[in-house]
């Protein structure tokens, strides 16, 4: 009910009663009457500030007049001054408990400010009055009434009221949607889907109903979820909430490429939305667009400085960007806010590792393991941290535990094998390295290490096999050739051993020449950036004298020759660089 005609009639009734008692109305009463009429006129043109001023005058001049408090309270609530407005409405109802307008406005204000328990008696009274008059409670009151019931845990009563309302108006899409929302809160997905489907059927352009139907199908792992979410976004592209939900669903389905423009649109549609900024930040973080992700996470942190999840993702993005020093205090705040969250401790440990503060990392990993003692990744990480401190005796038990908890993970087996080798437990090392390489065979360094271990055990055929696989995977590395040569000597194959040593020597020379070429190319780039073109050309040519197949030197020489006006030579060098890069890619 509005505060216009009803309140005006009430005021005139009061004015008439006062006039009957007095030969001439009191001057202040006349002024209060005029201010009240002015306030109602201001309301009719939606000038809330003027209405507030007028109704404040009414209250000041006629403090015992209930209508003034009721009108002022309603206006203050509409202006967002909820506490002041509720105080005026409460005064009004003390003076006149039956003021339906004050009851309505106060009930809505209580519900909007989270005081649902205080709102319920008022809603119940309004509902009883409507039933006595054999009319349904208006939808604008029914929906907040139901939400207040839910907020106070009265789900059954709320559901019964919504079912009753839907039975009386089955084609009302808003009522069906609200009923579906009640079912969804209880994870009653079949009933929720039926209600949302009815809402969509009654009103096909109802974007929120499509959204709710899509989210329900997604939660129930049913088909058609993404189609409904896409329909909601199509119907209301400027609704940031819908865009965020659709974008988040796309991202969860592994469709970051499709989620990105949707979430970017959400951020533009509502620049103040923390959730939009945060969800876009997560997608950008996975796309390695770290600077953009960090900016959005910082925006989200400003909006919710005590949100540990947001703080954690900001900290990890900073770590990914090699900015661990900035990340540590942020991740420490996340740990302080959620000390029971093992992931927060683990992420802080990762930042400490990046800063080479291994002792601090160990402390955080131990704290995480107290919370989740059966987490294999935590045992693995702690084992690695001990290994970084050259504490093999502490590292080995942690890695052994990680392996027992997750036997299918190759990482713990591999590192454990390396540590066993370092402490002279060669048989154990061979077992673990072999198992790790069966799980993940593409590991040239692992095959080389296994070959060395087999050599220590005098298992020569196995050593030769492992080392040849290492050479296949690492064709530019000389060390596996040298180890294989040692194995071949033990197998009484001196000619083959000599051949392997020659290959190793050639690779060592090639690697040294490549290093010289890299140094000369770096110097040449510096000369080119300083404008010393001739010197740059000379140094690029020097780099190529060390390694004629160094693509970066050819590309740099092409730039230098082009600046020198030697376009044909530049084009030839550029073609060489492109050919070498293409060959390397294949």
Protein backbone atom coordinates (compact mmCIF):
# COMPACT_ATOMS: atom_id res chain seq x y z
CA UNK A 1 0.00 0.00 0.00
CA UNK A 2 1.22 3.53 -0.74
CA UNK A 3 1.67 6.33 1.75
CA UNK A 4 -0.27 8.84 -0.33
CA UNK A 5 -4.08 8.73 -0.29
CA UNK A 6 -4.43 6.58 2.81
CA UNK A 7 -2.19 8.79 4.89
CA UNK A 8 -3.78 11.97 3.59
CA UNK A 9 -7.25 10.72 4.53
CA UNK A 10 -5.95 9.79 7.96
CA UNK A 11 -4.48 13.25 8.43
CA UNK A 12 -7.73 14.97 7.46
CA UNK A 13 -9.64 12.81 9.93
CA UNK A 14 -7.28 14.01 12.65
CA UNK A 15 -7.56 17.61 11.49
CA UNK A 16 -11.37 17.45 11.47
CA UNK A 17 -11.43 16.01 14.98
CA UNK A 18 -9.16 18.76 16.23
CA UNK A 19 -11.23 21.40 14.48
CA UNK A 20 -14.38 20.14 16.15
CA UNK A 21 -12.77 20.66 19.55
CA UNK A 22 -11.55 24.15 18.76
CA UNK A 23 -13.37 27.15 17.36
CA UNK A 24 -10.41 27.79 15.08
CA UNK A 25 -7.67 25.29 14.40
CA UNK A 26 -4.37 25.98 16.09
CA UNK A 27 -1.88 27.82 13.87
CA UNK A 28 0.71 25.06 14.25
CA UNK A 29 -1.88 22.46 13.28
CA UNK A 30 -2.68 24.46 10.15
CA UNK A 31 1.02 24.60 9.30
CA UNK A 32 1.39 20.87 9.96
CA UNK A 33 -1.61 20.22 7.71
CA UNK A 34 -0.07 22.36 4.95
CA UNK A 35 3.32 20.65 5.30
CA UNK A 36 1.66 17.24 5.16
CA UNK A 37 -0.19 18.14 1.97
CA UNK A 38 3.06 19.51 0.52
CA UNK A 39 4.84 16.27 1.44
CA UNK A 40 2.19 14.18 -0.31
CA UNK A 41 2.50 16.40 -3.38
CA UNK A 42 6.29 16.02 -3.34
CA UNK A 43 5.85 12.27 -3.17
CA UNK A 44 3.55 12.31 -6.17
CA UNK A 45 6.40 13.77 -8.23
CA UNK A 46 8.94 11.46 -6.54
CA UNK A 47 10.80 14.32 -4.84
CA UNK A 48 11.82 12.40 -1.75
CA UNK A 49 14.11 15.08 -0.32
CA UNK A 50 11.33 17.66 -0.35
CA UNK A 51 8.88 15.15 1.07
CA UNK A 52 11.28 14.36 3.89
CA UNK A 53 11.62 18.06 4.77
CA UNK A 54 7.85 18.52 4.77
CA UNK A 55 7.14 15.45 6.90
CA UNK A 56 9.89 16.40 9.37
CA UNK A 57 8.02 19.70 9.77
CA UNK A 58 4.81 17.75 10.44
CA UNK A 59 6.51 15.68 13.14
CA UNK A 60 8.04 18.75 14.74
CA UNK A 61 4.77 20.70 14.79
CA UNK A 62 2.50 17.76 15.68
CA UNK A 63 4.66 15.15 17.46
CA UNK A 64 1.66 13.18 18.71
CA UNK A 65 0.16 12.77 15.24
CA UNK A 66 0.76 9.21 14.14
CA UNK A 67 0.37 9.96 10.44
CA UNK A 68 3.41 12.26 10.38
CA UNK A 69 5.71 9.61 11.86
CA UNK A 70 4.34 6.99 9.47
CA UNK A 71 4.86 9.17 6.41
CA UNK A 72 8.32 10.35 7.50
CA UNK A 73 9.41 6.78 8.27
CA UNK A 74 8.31 5.55 4.85
CA UNK A 75 10.22 8.33 3.08
CA UNK A 76 13.38 7.81 5.13
CA UNK A 77 13.32 4.11 4.27
CA UNK A 78 12.98 4.92 0.58
CA UNK A 79 15.95 7.27 0.92
CA UNK A 80 18.02 4.43 2.35
CA UNK A 81 18.14 5.89 5.87
CA UNK A 82 16.88 2.64 7.25
CA UNK A 83 17.57 3.04 10.99
CA UNK A 84 15.96 6.47 11.16
CA UNK A 85 13.03 5.33 9.07
CA UNK A 86 12.37 2.26 11.18
CA UNK A 87 12.42 4.35 14.37
CA UNK A 88 9.72 6.64 12.96
CA UNK A 89 7.60 3.70 11.80
CA UNK A 90 7.95 2.04 15.21
CA UNK A 91 6.73 5.26 16.86
CA UNK A 92 3.80 5.32 14.47
CA UNK A 93 2.73 1.80 15.39
CA UNK A 94 2.99 2.52 19.11
CA UNK A 95 0.55 5.37 18.55
CA UNK A 96 -1.69 3.43 16.16
CA UNK A 97 -1.06 -0.36 16.05
CA UNK A 98 -3.55 -0.80 13.23
CA UNK A 99 -1.83 1.50 10.70
CA UNK A 100 -1.58 -0.92 7.77
CA UNK A 101 0.74 1.35 5.81
CA UNK A 102 3.20 1.62 8.72
CA UNK A 103 3.01 -2.16 9.28
CA UNK A 104 3.80 -2.77 5.62
CA UNK A 105 6.68 -0.32 5.42
CA UNK A 106 8.22 -1.48 8.70
CA UNK A 107 7.91 -5.18 7.82
CA UNK A 108 9.65 -4.56 4.49
CA UNK A 109 12.35 -2.47 6.14
CA UNK A 110 13.03 -5.15 8.76
CA UNK A 111 13.28 -7.82 6.07
CA UNK A 112 15.57 -5.73 3.87
CA UNK A 113 17.95 -5.06 6.78
CA UNK A 114 18.19 -8.71 7.81
CA UNK A 115 15.87 -8.43 10.81
CA UNK A 116 13.54 -11.14 9.59
CA UNK A 117 12.48 -12.28 13.07
CA UNK A 118 11.13 -8.80 13.79
CA UNK A 119 9.46 -8.64 10.37
CA UNK A 120 7.53 -11.92 10.73
CA UNK A 121 4.83 -10.78 13.23
CA UNK A 122 4.04 -7.79 11.02
CA UNK A 123 3.87 -9.90 7.87
CA UNK A 124 1.69 -12.46 9.69
CA UNK A 125 -0.71 -9.73 10.79
CA UNK A 126 -0.94 -8.34 7.25
CA UNK A 127 -1.52 -11.87 5.95
CA UNK A 128 -4.26 -12.49 8.50
CA UNK A 129 -5.99 -9.23 7.55
CA UNK A 130 -5.86 -10.21 3.87
CA UNK A 131 -7.35 -13.64 4.64
CA UNK A 132 -10.10 -12.05 6.74
CA UNK A 133 -10.99 -9.93 3.75
CA UNK A 134 -10.82 -13.07 1.53
CA UNK A 135 -8.13 -11.67 -0.74
CA UNK A 136 -4.61 -12.93 -1.44
CA UNK A 137 -1.64 -11.14 0.04
CA UNK A 138 -0.14 -8.91 -2.62
CA UNK A 139 2.91 -10.33 -4.38
CA UNK A 140 5.01 -7.36 -3.23
CA UNK A 141 4.35 -8.50 0.36
CA UNK A 142 4.17 -12.25 -0.16
CA UNK A 143 7.67 -12.63 -1.59
CA UNK A 144 9.50 -10.73 1.18
CA UNK A 145 7.30 -12.52 3.73
CA UNK A 146 8.42 -15.88 2.34
CA UNK A 147 12.06 -14.76 2.32
CA UNK A 148 11.75 -13.73 5.97
CA UNK A 149 10.32 -17.15 6.79
CA UNK A 150 13.27 -18.82 5.04
CA UNK A 151 15.76 -16.57 6.83
CA UNK A 152 14.37 -17.71 10.17
CA UNK A 153 14.46 -21.39 9.21
CA UNK A 154 10.74 -21.80 8.56
CA UNK A 155 11.17 -23.52 5.20
CA UNK A 156 8.04 -25.65 5.46
CA UNK A 157 5.79 -22.66 6.18
CA UNK A 158 7.44 -20.66 3.40
CA UNK A 159 7.03 -23.50 0.90
CA UNK A 160 3.40 -24.02 1.87
CA UNK A 161 2.62 -20.34 1.33
CA UNK A 162 4.33 -20.31 -2.07
CA UNK A 163 2.56 -23.50 -3.16
CA UNK A 164 -0.75 -21.98 -2.11
CA UNK A 165 0.02 -18.82 -4.07
CA UNK A 166 1.04 -20.81 -7.16
CA UNK A 167 -2.10 -22.92 -6.94
CA UNK A 168 -4.15 -19.73 -7.11
CA UNK A 169 -2.15 -18.29 -10.03
CA UNK A 170 -0.32 -21.08 -11.85
CA UNK A 171 0.63 -18.87 -14.82
CA UNK A 172 2.41 -16.34 -12.62
CA UNK A 173 6.07 -16.72 -13.64
CA UNK A 174 7.44 -14.74 -10.68
CA UNK A 175 5.62 -16.96 -8.18
CA UNK A 176 6.81 -20.14 -9.91
CA UNK A 177 10.37 -18.80 -9.91
CA UNK A 178 10.21 -18.03 -6.19
CA UNK A 179 8.83 -21.50 -5.46
CA UNK A 180 11.65 -23.02 -7.51
CA UNK A 181 14.17 -21.00 -5.52
CA UNK A 182 12.80 -22.47 -2.29
CA UNK A 183 13.19 -25.99 -3.63
CA UNK A 184 16.69 -25.19 -4.89
CA UNK A 185 17.78 -23.98 -1.46
CA UNK A 186 16.90 -27.43 -0.15
CA UNK A 187 18.64 -29.07 -3.13
CA UNK A 188 15.32 -30.57 -4.18
CA UNK A 189 16.38 -30.41 -7.83
CA UNK A 190 13.41 -32.25 -9.44
CA UNK A 191 10.79 -29.97 -7.84
CA UNK A 192 12.98 -26.91 -8.47
CA UNK A 193 13.30 -27.81 -12.15
CA UNK A 194 9.55 -28.26 -12.50
CA UNK A 195 8.87 -24.86 -10.96
CA UNK A 196 11.50 -23.04 -13.01
CA UNK A 197 10.32 -24.78 -16.18
CA UNK A 198 6.79 -23.59 -15.42
CA UNK A 199 8.10 -20.04 -14.95
CA UNK A 200 9.87 -20.17 -18.31
CA UNK A 201 6.79 -21.60 -20.01
CA UNK A 202 4.61 -18.84 -18.54
CA UNK A 203 7.07 -16.08 -19.44
CA UNK A 204 9.63 -17.11 -22.10
CA UNK A 205 11.50 -13.79 -21.86
CA UNK A 206 12.02 -14.13 -18.08
CA UNK A 207 15.85 -14.09 -17.96
CA UNK A 208 16.21 -14.90 -14.25
CA UNK A 209 13.97 -17.97 -14.58
CA UNK A 210 16.17 -19.25 -17.43
CA UNK A 211 19.22 -18.61 -15.24
CA UNK A 212 17.71 -20.47 -12.29
CA UNK A 213 16.67 -23.36 -14.51
CA UNK A 214 20.17 -23.57 -15.95
CA UNK A 215 21.83 -23.51 -12.54
CA UNK A 216 19.42 -26.18 -11.28
CA UNK A 217 20.18 -28.47 -14.20
CA UNK A 218 23.89 -27.86 -13.70
CA UNK A 219 23.64 -28.75 -9.99
CA UNK A 220 21.65 -31.88 -10.86
CA UNK A 221 24.18 -32.73 -13.60
CA UNK A 222 21.42 -32.81 -16.20
CA UNK A 223 21.61 -31.87 -19.86
CA UNK A 224 20.48 -28.48 -21.12
CA UNK A 225 22.08 -26.42 -18.36
CA UNK A 226 24.41 -24.36 -20.57
CA UNK A 227 21.62 -23.71 -23.08
CA UNK A 228 19.44 -22.15 -20.37
CA UNK A 229 22.32 -20.06 -19.03
CA UNK A 230 23.12 -18.88 -22.55
CA UNK A 231 19.45 -17.98 -23.06
CA UNK A 232 19.42 -15.96 -19.84
CA UNK A 233 22.53 -14.06 -20.99
CA UNK A 234 21.01 -13.48 -24.42
CA UNK A 235 17.83 -12.07 -22.87
CA UNK A 236 19.62 -9.82 -20.34
CA UNK A 237 23.21 -9.18 -21.47
CA UNK A 238 23.48 -6.07 -19.31
CA UNK A 239 22.62 -7.98 -16.14
CA UNK A 240 26.05 -8.43 -14.54
CA UNK A 241 24.84 -11.15 -12.19
CA UNK A 242 23.58 -13.29 -15.06
CA UNK A 243 26.77 -12.65 -17.04
CA UNK A 244 28.93 -13.71 -14.08
CA UNK A 245 26.96 -16.92 -13.56
CA UNK A 246 27.13 -17.79 -17.26
CA UNK A 247 30.83 -16.92 -17.50
CA UNK A 248 31.62 -18.89 -14.36
CA UNK A 249 29.77 -21.93 -15.72
CA UNK A 250 31.69 -21.72 -19.00
CA UNK A 251 34.98 -21.50 -17.10
CA UNK A 252 34.03 -24.46 -14.90
CA UNK A 253 33.37 -26.45 -18.08
CA UNK A 254 36.90 -25.67 -19.28
CA UNK A 255 35.72 -23.10 -21.83
CA UNK A 256 37.90 -20.19 -20.69
CA UNK A 257 38.03 -18.81 -24.24
CA UNK A 258 34.24 -18.45 -24.32
CA UNK A 259 34.03 -17.32 -20.69
CA UNK A 260 36.50 -14.46 -21.18
CA UNK A 261 34.33 -12.09 -23.30
CA UNK A 262 31.26 -12.84 -21.16
CA UNK A 263 33.08 -11.93 -17.94
CA UNK A 264 34.72 -8.90 -19.55
CA UNK A 265 31.23 -7.73 -20.47
CA UNK A 266 30.06 -8.34 -16.91
CA UNK A 267 32.83 -6.12 -15.55
CA UNK A 268 31.89 -3.35 -17.98
CA UNK A 269 28.19 -3.73 -17.16
CA UNK A 270 28.84 -3.36 -13.43
CA UNK A 271 32.20 -1.76 -12.70
CA UNK A 272 31.57 -2.09 -8.97
CA UNK A 273 30.90 -5.84 -9.02
CA UNK A 274 33.53 -7.64 -6.95
CA UNK A 275 32.29 -11.04 -8.14
CA UNK A 276 32.58 -10.07 -11.82
CA UNK A 277 36.11 -8.75 -11.30
CA UNK A 278 37.10 -11.84 -9.33
CA UNK A 279 35.75 -14.39 -11.81
CA UNK A 280 37.38 -12.55 -14.72
CA UNK A 281 40.62 -12.47 -12.75
CA UNK A 282 40.53 -16.26 -12.33
CA UNK A 283 40.18 -16.78 -16.09
CA UNK A 284 42.96 -14.30 -16.85
CA UNK A 285 45.17 -15.99 -14.25
CA UNK A 286 44.74 -19.34 -15.99
CA UNK A 287 45.50 -17.63 -19.32
CA UNK A 288 48.77 -16.33 -17.79
CA UNK A 289 47.62 -12.72 -18.25
CA UNK A 290 48.91 -12.09 -14.78
CA UNK A 291 49.13 -8.30 -14.67
CA UNK A 292 45.46 -7.99 -15.64
CA UNK A 293 44.45 -10.72 -13.20
CA UNK A 294 46.38 -9.08 -10.36
CA UNK A 295 44.68 -5.72 -10.99
CA UNK A 296 41.24 -7.35 -10.82
CA UNK A 297 42.08 -9.38 -7.70
CA UNK A 298 43.27 -6.17 -6.02
CA UNK A 299 39.94 -4.56 -6.88
CA UNK A 300 38.14 -7.53 -5.35
CA UNK A 301 40.28 -7.33 -2.20
CA UNK A 302 39.39 -3.65 -1.78
CA UNK A 303 35.71 -4.61 -1.92
CA UNK A 304 36.13 -7.57 0.46
CA UNK A 305 39.37 -7.18 2.43
CA UNK A 306 38.54 -10.15 4.67
CA UNK A 307 37.78 -12.60 1.88
CA UNK A 308 40.52 -15.21 2.31
CA UNK A 309 39.82 -16.92 -1.02
CA UNK A 310 40.32 -13.68 -2.94
CA UNK A 311 43.47 -12.89 -0.95
CA UNK A 312 44.85 -16.35 -1.70
CA UNK A 313 44.31 -16.04 -5.44
CA UNK A 314 45.89 -12.58 -5.45
CA UNK A 315 48.89 -13.97 -3.58
CA UNK A 316 49.28 -16.90 -5.96
CA UNK A 317 48.99 -14.66 -9.03
CA UNK A 318 51.77 -12.49 -7.60
CA UNK A 319 53.88 -15.62 -7.09
CA UNK A 320 53.23 -16.67 -10.69
CA UNK A 321 54.47 -13.23 -11.74
CA UNK A 322 57.64 -13.78 -9.67
CA UNK A 323 56.51 -11.16 -7.14
CA UNK A 324 56.65 -13.38 -4.06
CA UNK A 325 57.84 -10.55 -1.82
CA UNK A 326 54.50 -8.77 -2.42
CA UNK A 327 52.61 -12.06 -2.15
CA UNK A 328 53.81 -13.09 1.31
CA UNK A 329 51.98 -10.45 3.43
CA UNK A 330 48.79 -11.03 1.42
CA UNK A 331 48.97 -14.79 1.89
CA UNK A 332 49.78 -14.28 5.57
CA UNK A 333 46.51 -12.33 5.91
CA UNK A 334 44.67 -15.22 4.25
CA UNK A 335 46.22 -17.63 6.76
CA UNK A 336 45.26 -15.38 9.67
CA UNK A 337 41.67 -15.21 8.42
CA UNK A 338 41.38 -18.96 7.79
CA UNK A 339 44.01 -20.74 9.93
CA UNK A 340 42.05 -23.98 9.53
CA UNK A 341 42.46 -23.91 5.73
CA UNK A 342 45.37 -26.14 4.69
CA UNK A 343 45.48 -24.62 1.18
CA UNK A 344 46.24 -21.17 2.61
CA UNK A 345 49.27 -22.57 4.45
CA UNK A 346 50.38 -24.47 1.34
CA UNK A 347 50.20 -21.38 -0.86
CA UNK A 348 52.13 -19.31 1.67
CA UNK A 349 54.76 -22.05 1.73
CA UNK A 350 55.07 -21.77 -2.07
CA UNK A 351 55.73 -18.03 -1.74
CA UNK A 352 58.39 -18.65 0.90
CA UNK A 353 60.06 -21.23 -1.36
CA UNK A 354 60.24 -18.65 -4.15
CA UNK A 355 62.01 -16.30 -1.73
CA UNK A 356 64.33 -19.14 -0.66
CA UNK A 357 62.94 -18.93 2.89
CA UNK A 358 62.79 -22.70 3.10
CA UNK A 359 62.54 -22.85 6.89
CA UNK A 360 59.42 -20.69 6.85
CA UNK A 361 57.99 -22.87 4.08
CA UNK A 362 58.60 -25.99 6.18
CA UNK A 363 56.70 -24.43 9.11
CA UNK A 364 53.69 -23.67 6.88
CA UNK A 365 53.67 -27.14 5.35
CA UNK A 366 53.81 -28.73 8.79
CA UNK A 367 50.85 -26.56 9.86
CA UNK A 368 48.94 -27.68 6.76
CA UNK A 369 49.68 -31.35 7.49
CA UNK A 370 48.28 -31.02 11.01
CA UNK A 371 45.00 -30.05 9.35
CA UNK A 372 45.07 -32.65 6.55
CA UNK A 373 47.57 -35.38 7.50
CA UNK A 374 46.55 -37.65 4.62
CA UNK A 375 47.19 -35.16 1.81
CA UNK A 376 49.89 -36.70 -0.46
CA UNK A 377 50.74 -33.38 -2.14
CA UNK A 378 51.57 -31.79 1.21
CA UNK A 379 53.90 -34.65 2.16
CA UNK A 380 55.52 -34.37 -1.28
CA UNK A 381 55.97 -30.60 -0.93
CA UNK A 382 57.43 -30.98 2.56
CA UNK A 383 59.81 -33.65 1.29
CA UNK A 384 60.96 -31.30 -1.49
CA UNK A 385 61.49 -28.50 1.04
CA UNK A 386 63.67 -30.75 3.20
CA UNK A 387 65.58 -31.79 0.06
CA UNK A 388 66.24 -28.10 -0.68
CA UNK A 389 67.82 -27.89 2.77
CA UNK A 390 69.94 -30.97 1.96
CA UNK A 391 68.14 -32.82 4.74
CA UNK A 392 67.68 -36.18 3.03
CA UNK A 393 66.91 -38.00 6.28
CA UNK A 394 63.86 -35.78 6.88
CA UNK A 395 62.86 -35.66 3.20
CA UNK A 396 62.79 -39.42 2.60
CA UNK A 397 60.03 -40.29 5.16
CA UNK A 398 57.81 -37.52 3.80
CA UNK A 399 58.23 -38.72 0.22
CA UNK A 400 57.66 -42.33 1.26
CA UNK A 401 54.39 -41.26 2.89
CA UNK A 402 53.38 -39.31 -0.24
CA UNK A 403 54.03 -42.42 -2.34
CA UNK A 404 51.93 -44.65 -0.05
CA UNK A 405 49.05 -42.18 -0.14
CA UNK A 406 49.18 -41.76 -3.94
CA UNK A 407 51.05 -44.64 -5.62
CA UNK A 408 50.04 -43.45 -9.10
CA UNK A 409 51.89 -40.13 -8.79
CA UNK A 410 55.32 -40.28 -10.48
CA UNK A 411 56.76 -37.17 -8.80
CA UNK A 412 57.24 -38.57 -5.30
CA UNK A 413 58.75 -41.80 -6.68
CA UNK A 414 61.19 -39.87 -8.85
CA UNK A 415 62.46 -37.52 -6.14
CA UNK A 416 62.61 -40.41 -3.69
CA UNK A 417 64.74 -42.32 -6.18
CA UNK A 418 67.15 -39.39 -6.51
CA UNK A 419 67.46 -39.14 -2.73
CA UNK A 420 68.03 -42.87 -2.35
CA UNK A 421 70.83 -42.54 -4.90
CA UNK A 422 72.36 -39.64 -2.99
CA UNK A 423 72.48 -41.64 0.25
CA UNK A 424 73.85 -44.74 -1.48
CA UNK A 425 70.68 -46.87 -1.44
CA UNK A 426 71.11 -47.80 -5.10
CA UNK A 427 68.75 -50.77 -5.24
CA UNK A 428 65.96 -48.68 -3.71
CA UNK A 429 66.84 -45.84 -6.08
CA UNK A 430 66.61 -48.12 -9.13
CA UNK A 431 63.22 -49.44 -7.99
CA UNK A 432 61.72 -45.99 -7.46
CA UNK A 433 63.18 -44.40 -10.59
CA UNK A 434 62.06 -47.31 -12.75
CA UNK A 435 58.52 -47.08 -11.33
CA UNK A 436 58.44 -43.31 -11.87
CA UNK A 437 59.57 -43.64 -15.49
CA UNK A 438 56.93 -46.25 -16.23
CA UNK A 439 54.34 -43.76 -15.05
CA UNK A 440 55.93 -40.85 -16.94
CA UNK A 441 58.46 -42.03 -19.53
CA UNK A 442 59.13 -38.63 -21.11
CA UNK A 443 61.89 -37.65 -18.68
CA UNK A 444 65.35 -37.65 -20.23
CA UNK A 445 67.10 -36.64 -17.02
CA UNK A 446 65.31 -39.46 -15.21
CA UNK A 447 66.56 -42.06 -17.70
CA UNK A 448 70.09 -40.68 -17.38
CA UNK A 449 69.90 -40.93 -13.59
CA UNK A 450 68.48 -44.45 -13.76
CA UNK A 451 71.31 -45.44 -16.11
CA UNK A 452 73.87 -44.14 -13.62
CA UNK A 453 72.20 -46.07 -10.79
CA UNK A 454 72.15 -49.31 -12.80
CA UNK A 455 75.84 -48.72 -13.57
CA UNK A 456 76.53 -48.46 -9.83
CA UNK A 457 74.71 -51.77 -9.37
CA UNK A 458 76.64 -53.34 -12.27
CA UNK A 459 73.35 -54.07 -14.01
CA UNK A 460 75.01 -53.17 -17.28
CA UNK A 461 72.41 -54.15 -19.92
CA UNK A 462 69.74 -52.23 -17.99
CA UNK A 463 72.13 -49.27 -17.64
CA UNK A 464 72.90 -49.20 -21.37
CA UNK A 465 69.19 -49.37 -22.24
CA UNK A 466 68.29 -46.52 -19.88
CA UNK A 467 71.17 -44.34 -21.10
CA UNK A 468 70.26 -44.86 -24.77
CA UNK A 469 66.72 -43.71 -23.96
CA UNK A 470 68.20 -40.65 -22.21
CA UNK A 471 70.29 -39.92 -25.33
CA UNK A 472 67.18 -40.24 -27.51
CA UNK A 473 65.29 -37.73 -25.38
CA UNK A 474 68.30 -35.41 -24.77
CA UNK A 475 70.27 -35.46 -28.02
CA UNK A 476 72.25 -32.32 -27.13
CA UNK A 477 73.44 -33.49 -23.71
CA UNK A 478 76.97 -34.97 -23.49
CA UNK A 479 76.73 -36.56 -20.03
CA UNK A 480 74.61 -39.62 -20.98
CA UNK A 481 77.17 -40.42 -23.70
CA UNK A 482 80.00 -40.30 -21.15
CA UNK A 483 78.14 -42.56 -18.71
CA UNK A 484 77.26 -44.95 -21.54
CA UNK A 485 80.94 -45.03 -22.53
CA UNK A 486 81.80 -46.13 -18.97
CA UNK A 487 79.18 -48.87 -19.14
CA UNK A 488 80.48 -50.06 -22.53
CA UNK A 489 84.02 -50.29 -21.13
CA UNK A 490 82.68 -52.58 -18.38
CA UNK A 491 80.97 -54.64 -21.08
CA UNK A 492 84.32 -54.96 -22.91
CA UNK A 493 83.20 -52.86 -25.88
CA UNK A 494 86.11 -50.37 -26.14
CA UNK A 495 85.42 -49.26 -29.73
CA UNK A 496 81.80 -48.41 -28.94
CA UNK A 497 82.94 -46.64 -25.74
CA UNK A 498 85.43 -44.53 -27.75
CA UNK A 499 82.66 -43.57 -30.17
CA UNK A 500 80.42 -42.43 -27.30
CA UNK A 501 83.25 -40.32 -25.82
CA UNK A 502 83.78 -38.69 -29.24
CA UNK A 503 80.08 -37.83 -29.41
CA UNK A 504 80.26 -36.36 -25.92
CA UNK A 505 83.29 -34.24 -26.86
CA UNK A 506 81.52 -32.95 -29.99
CA UNK A 507 78.45 -32.03 -27.96
CA UNK A 508 80.57 -30.26 -25.34
CA UNK A 509 82.27 -28.22 -28.06
CA UNK A 510 78.91 -27.44 -29.65
CA UNK A 511 77.43 -26.39 -26.32
CA UNK A 512 80.44 -24.19 -25.61
CA UNK A 513 80.16 -22.60 -29.05
CA UNK A 514 76.43 -22.04 -28.52
CA UNK A 515 77.21 -20.28 -25.22
CA UNK A 516 79.78 -18.09 -26.99
CA UNK A 517 77.24 -17.33 -29.71
CA UNK A 518 74.65 -16.36 -27.07
CA UNK A 519 77.11 -14.00 -25.36
CA UNK A 520 78.13 -12.37 -28.67
CA UNK A 521 74.48 -12.01 -29.75
CA UNK A 522 73.58 -10.36 -26.45
CA UNK A 523 76.43 -7.88 -26.91
CA UNK A 524 75.37 -7.25 -30.51
CA UNK A 525 71.80 -6.50 -29.46
CA UNK A 526 73.17 -3.96 -26.97
CA UNK A 527 75.18 -2.26 -29.72
CA UNK A 528 72.15 -2.22 -32.01
CA UNK A 529 69.95 -0.69 -29.32
CA UNK A 530 72.60 2.00 -28.80
CA UNK A 531 72.62 2.81 -32.52
CA UNK A 532 76.05 1.32 -33.23
CA UNK A 533 74.96 -0.57 -36.34
CA UNK A 534 78.40 -1.45 -37.75
CA UNK A 535 79.61 -2.79 -34.41
CA UNK A 536 76.39 -4.77 -34.07
CA UNK A 537 76.83 -6.34 -37.51
CA UNK A 538 80.39 -7.37 -36.65
CA UNK A 539 79.32 -8.98 -33.37
CA UNK A 540 76.37 -10.81 -34.93
CA UNK A 541 78.78 -12.23 -37.54
CA UNK A 542 81.14 -13.23 -34.72
CA UNK A 543 78.26 -15.05 -33.01
CA UNK A 544 77.55 -16.96 -36.24
CA UNK A 545 81.20 -17.89 -36.54
CA UNK A 546 80.77 -19.77 -33.27
CA UNK A 547 77.42 -21.33 -34.22
CA UNK A 548 76.12 -20.94 -37.76
CA UNK A 549 72.77 -22.47 -36.76
CA UNK A 550 71.94 -19.93 -34.03
CA UNK A 551 68.61 -18.50 -35.25
CA UNK A 552 68.62 -15.52 -32.91
CA UNK A 553 71.95 -14.32 -34.32
CA UNK A 554 70.62 -14.55 -37.90
CA UNK A 555 67.47 -12.63 -36.88
CA UNK A 556 69.54 -9.94 -35.13
CA UNK A 557 71.90 -9.65 -38.09
CA UNK A 558 68.88 -9.21 -40.37
CA UNK A 559 67.72 -6.23 -38.28
CA UNK A 560 71.18 -4.68 -38.26
CA UNK A 561 71.67 -5.12 -42.01
CA UNK A 562 68.26 -3.59 -42.68
CA UNK A 563 69.21 -0.53 -40.65
CA UNK A 564 72.41 -0.32 -42.67
CA UNK A 565 70.35 -0.27 -45.88
CA UNK A 566 71.47 -3.74 -46.99
CA UNK A 567 67.97 -5.03 -47.63
CA UNK A 568 68.85 -8.06 -49.77
CA UNK A 569 71.35 -9.40 -47.24
CA UNK A 570 68.85 -8.66 -44.47
CA UNK A 571 66.15 -10.66 -46.25
CA UNK A 572 68.53 -13.61 -46.70
CA UNK A 573 69.42 -13.62 -42.98
CA UNK A 574 65.78 -13.41 -42.03
CA UNK A 575 64.98 -16.44 -44.21
CA UNK A 576 67.78 -18.39 -42.51
CA UNK A 577 66.42 -17.46 -39.07
CA UNK A 578 62.88 -18.49 -40.00
CA UNK A 579 64.07 -21.81 -41.46
CA UNK A 580 66.09 -22.61 -38.33
CA UNK A 581 63.19 -21.69 -36.02
CA UNK A 582 60.82 -23.83 -38.09
CA UNK A 583 63.22 -26.78 -37.98
CA UNK A 584 63.60 -26.36 -34.21
CA UNK A 585 59.82 -26.32 -33.75
CA UNK A 586 59.56 -29.66 -35.50
